[in-house]
Amino acid sequence: MDIAAQAAVVTGGASGLGAATAKALAEGGAKVTLFDLNAALGAETAKALGGTFAACDVADEASAVAAFAAARERMDPSVSSSTAPASPPPSAPPRAARRTRSTHSRRWCGST
């Protein structure tokens, strides 16, 4: 798979498996943004990889939305314009948002 110049967000990217994944992506030419609770280590790891960092608690929706917005601002517009939204548009009713998140969760967990 050719990942050169593709945008990648790695959650838990400050250390461990997340940092190893981010390193592999960066070595493959991806533009990497790390999300993590540990701001100091996250910024240090991102700098070492030539990437960017956004403090993020992925269990908190507002934190994740803010981190993705910050990551999008730092990306080359030609990369970020090709990304699809991960959730319904803000105008969607709350019930549709819950259904979308539930569908995505089942899909990623392997159930239908």
Protein backbone atom coordinates (compact mmCIF):
# COMPACT_ATOMS: atom_id res chain seq x y z
CA MET A 1 0.00 0.00 0.00
CA ASP A 2 1.37 3.40 -0.99
CA ILE A 3 0.96 5.75 1.97
CA ALA A 4 3.34 8.49 0.81
CA ALA A 5 1.83 11.94 1.41
CA GLN A 6 -1.36 10.44 2.93
CA ALA A 7 -2.71 11.85 6.18
CA ALA A 8 -2.73 9.54 9.19
CA VAL A 9 -4.05 10.07 12.71
CA VAL A 10 -2.73 7.70 15.36
CA THR A 11 -4.54 7.60 18.70
CA GLY A 12 -2.36 6.74 21.66
CA GLY A 13 0.57 7.79 19.48
CA ALA A 14 2.83 9.10 22.23
CA SER A 15 4.17 5.70 23.26
CA GLY A 16 3.99 1.94 22.85
CA LEU A 17 2.13 0.43 19.91
CA GLY A 18 0.74 3.82 18.90
CA ALA A 19 4.22 5.34 18.63
CA ALA A 20 5.50 2.29 16.73
CA THR A 21 2.57 2.55 14.30
CA ALA A 22 3.16 6.28 13.85
CA LYS A 23 6.86 5.64 13.20
CA ALA A 24 6.08 3.03 10.52
CA LEU A 25 3.58 5.36 8.85
CA ALA A 26 6.02 8.29 8.93
CA GLU A 27 8.81 6.13 7.51
CA GLY A 28 6.41 5.21 4.70
CA GLY A 29 5.93 8.89 3.91
CA ALA A 30 2.60 9.55 5.61
CA LYS A 31 1.86 12.89 7.23
CA VAL A 32 1.28 11.74 10.80
CA THR A 33 -0.71 13.45 13.55
CA LEU A 34 -0.56 11.90 16.99
CA PHE A 35 -3.44 12.05 19.46
CA ASP A 36 -2.72 11.30 23.11
CA LEU A 37 -3.47 12.45 26.65
CA ASN A 38 0.24 12.82 27.43
CA ALA A 39 0.93 16.22 25.84
CA ALA A 40 4.65 16.42 26.66
CA LEU A 41 5.51 12.95 25.34
CA GLY A 42 3.10 13.29 22.42
CA ALA A 43 4.68 16.55 21.24
CA GLU A 44 8.17 15.08 21.65
CA THR A 45 7.30 11.91 19.71
CA ALA A 46 5.58 13.87 16.94
CA LYS A 47 8.57 16.19 16.58
CA ALA A 48 10.94 13.20 16.33
CA LEU A 49 8.76 11.74 13.56
CA GLY A 50 8.34 15.02 11.69
CA GLY A 51 4.64 14.96 12.48
CA THR A 52 2.20 16.98 14.53
CA PHE A 53 0.48 16.43 17.86
CA ALA A 54 -2.95 17.21 19.28
CA ALA A 55 -3.87 16.56 22.90
CA CYS A 56 -6.93 14.32 22.86
CA ASP A 57 -9.06 12.18 25.13
CA VAL A 58 -10.70 9.82 22.62
CA ALA A 59 -13.33 8.87 25.21
CA ASP A 60 -14.57 12.48 25.16
CA GLU A 61 -16.39 13.47 21.95
CA ALA A 62 -15.68 17.21 22.32
CA SER A 63 -11.97 16.50 22.79
CA ALA A 64 -11.86 14.26 19.72
CA VAL A 65 -13.73 16.79 17.55
CA ALA A 66 -11.34 19.56 18.65
CA ALA A 67 -8.28 17.38 17.99
CA PHE A 68 -9.47 16.45 14.49
CA ALA A 69 -10.19 20.13 13.75
CA ALA A 70 -6.67 21.05 14.87
CA ALA A 71 -5.16 18.24 12.81
CA ARG A 72 -7.13 19.30 9.73
CA GLU A 73 -5.86 22.89 10.05
CA ARG A 74 -2.26 21.69 9.97
CA MET A 75 -2.65 19.38 6.98
CA ASP A 76 -2.04 20.25 3.36
CA PRO A 77 -5.45 21.23 1.93
CA SER A 78 -5.04 18.75 -0.91
CA VAL A 79 -4.86 15.96 1.67
CA SER A 80 -7.59 17.11 4.04
CA SER A 81 -10.05 17.85 1.24
CA SER A 82 -10.15 14.18 0.34
CA THR A 83 -11.14 13.02 3.82
CA ALA A 84 -14.72 12.02 4.52
CA PRO A 85 -16.42 13.13 7.73
CA ALA A 86 -16.41 10.48 10.44
CA SER A 87 -19.80 11.50 11.77
CA PRO A 88 -23.03 12.96 10.43
CA PRO A 89 -23.12 16.70 9.69
CA PRO A 90 -23.92 18.98 12.67
CA SER A 91 -27.43 19.55 11.29
CA ALA A 92 -28.30 15.86 11.67
CA PRO A 93 -30.69 15.06 14.52
CA PRO A 94 -29.11 13.45 17.62
CA ARG A 95 -30.81 10.11 16.93
CA ALA A 96 -29.10 9.89 13.52
CA ALA A 97 -25.77 10.67 15.15
CA ARG A 98 -26.20 7.84 17.66
CA ARG A 99 -27.23 5.43 14.89
CA THR A 100 -24.16 6.42 12.81
CA ARG A 101 -21.76 5.93 15.75
CA SER A 102 -23.39 2.60 16.57
CA THR A 103 -23.09 1.43 12.95
CA HIS A 104 -19.43 2.45 12.80
CA SER A 105 -18.73 0.70 16.12
CA ARG A 106 -20.31 -2.55 14.96
CA ARG A 107 -18.48 -2.39 11.65
CA TRP A 108 -15.09 -1.88 13.35
CA CYS A 109 -15.80 -4.58 15.92
CA GLY A 110 -16.65 -7.11 13.21
CA SER A 111 -20.33 -7.55 14.01
CA THR A 112 -23.27 -6.59 11.81
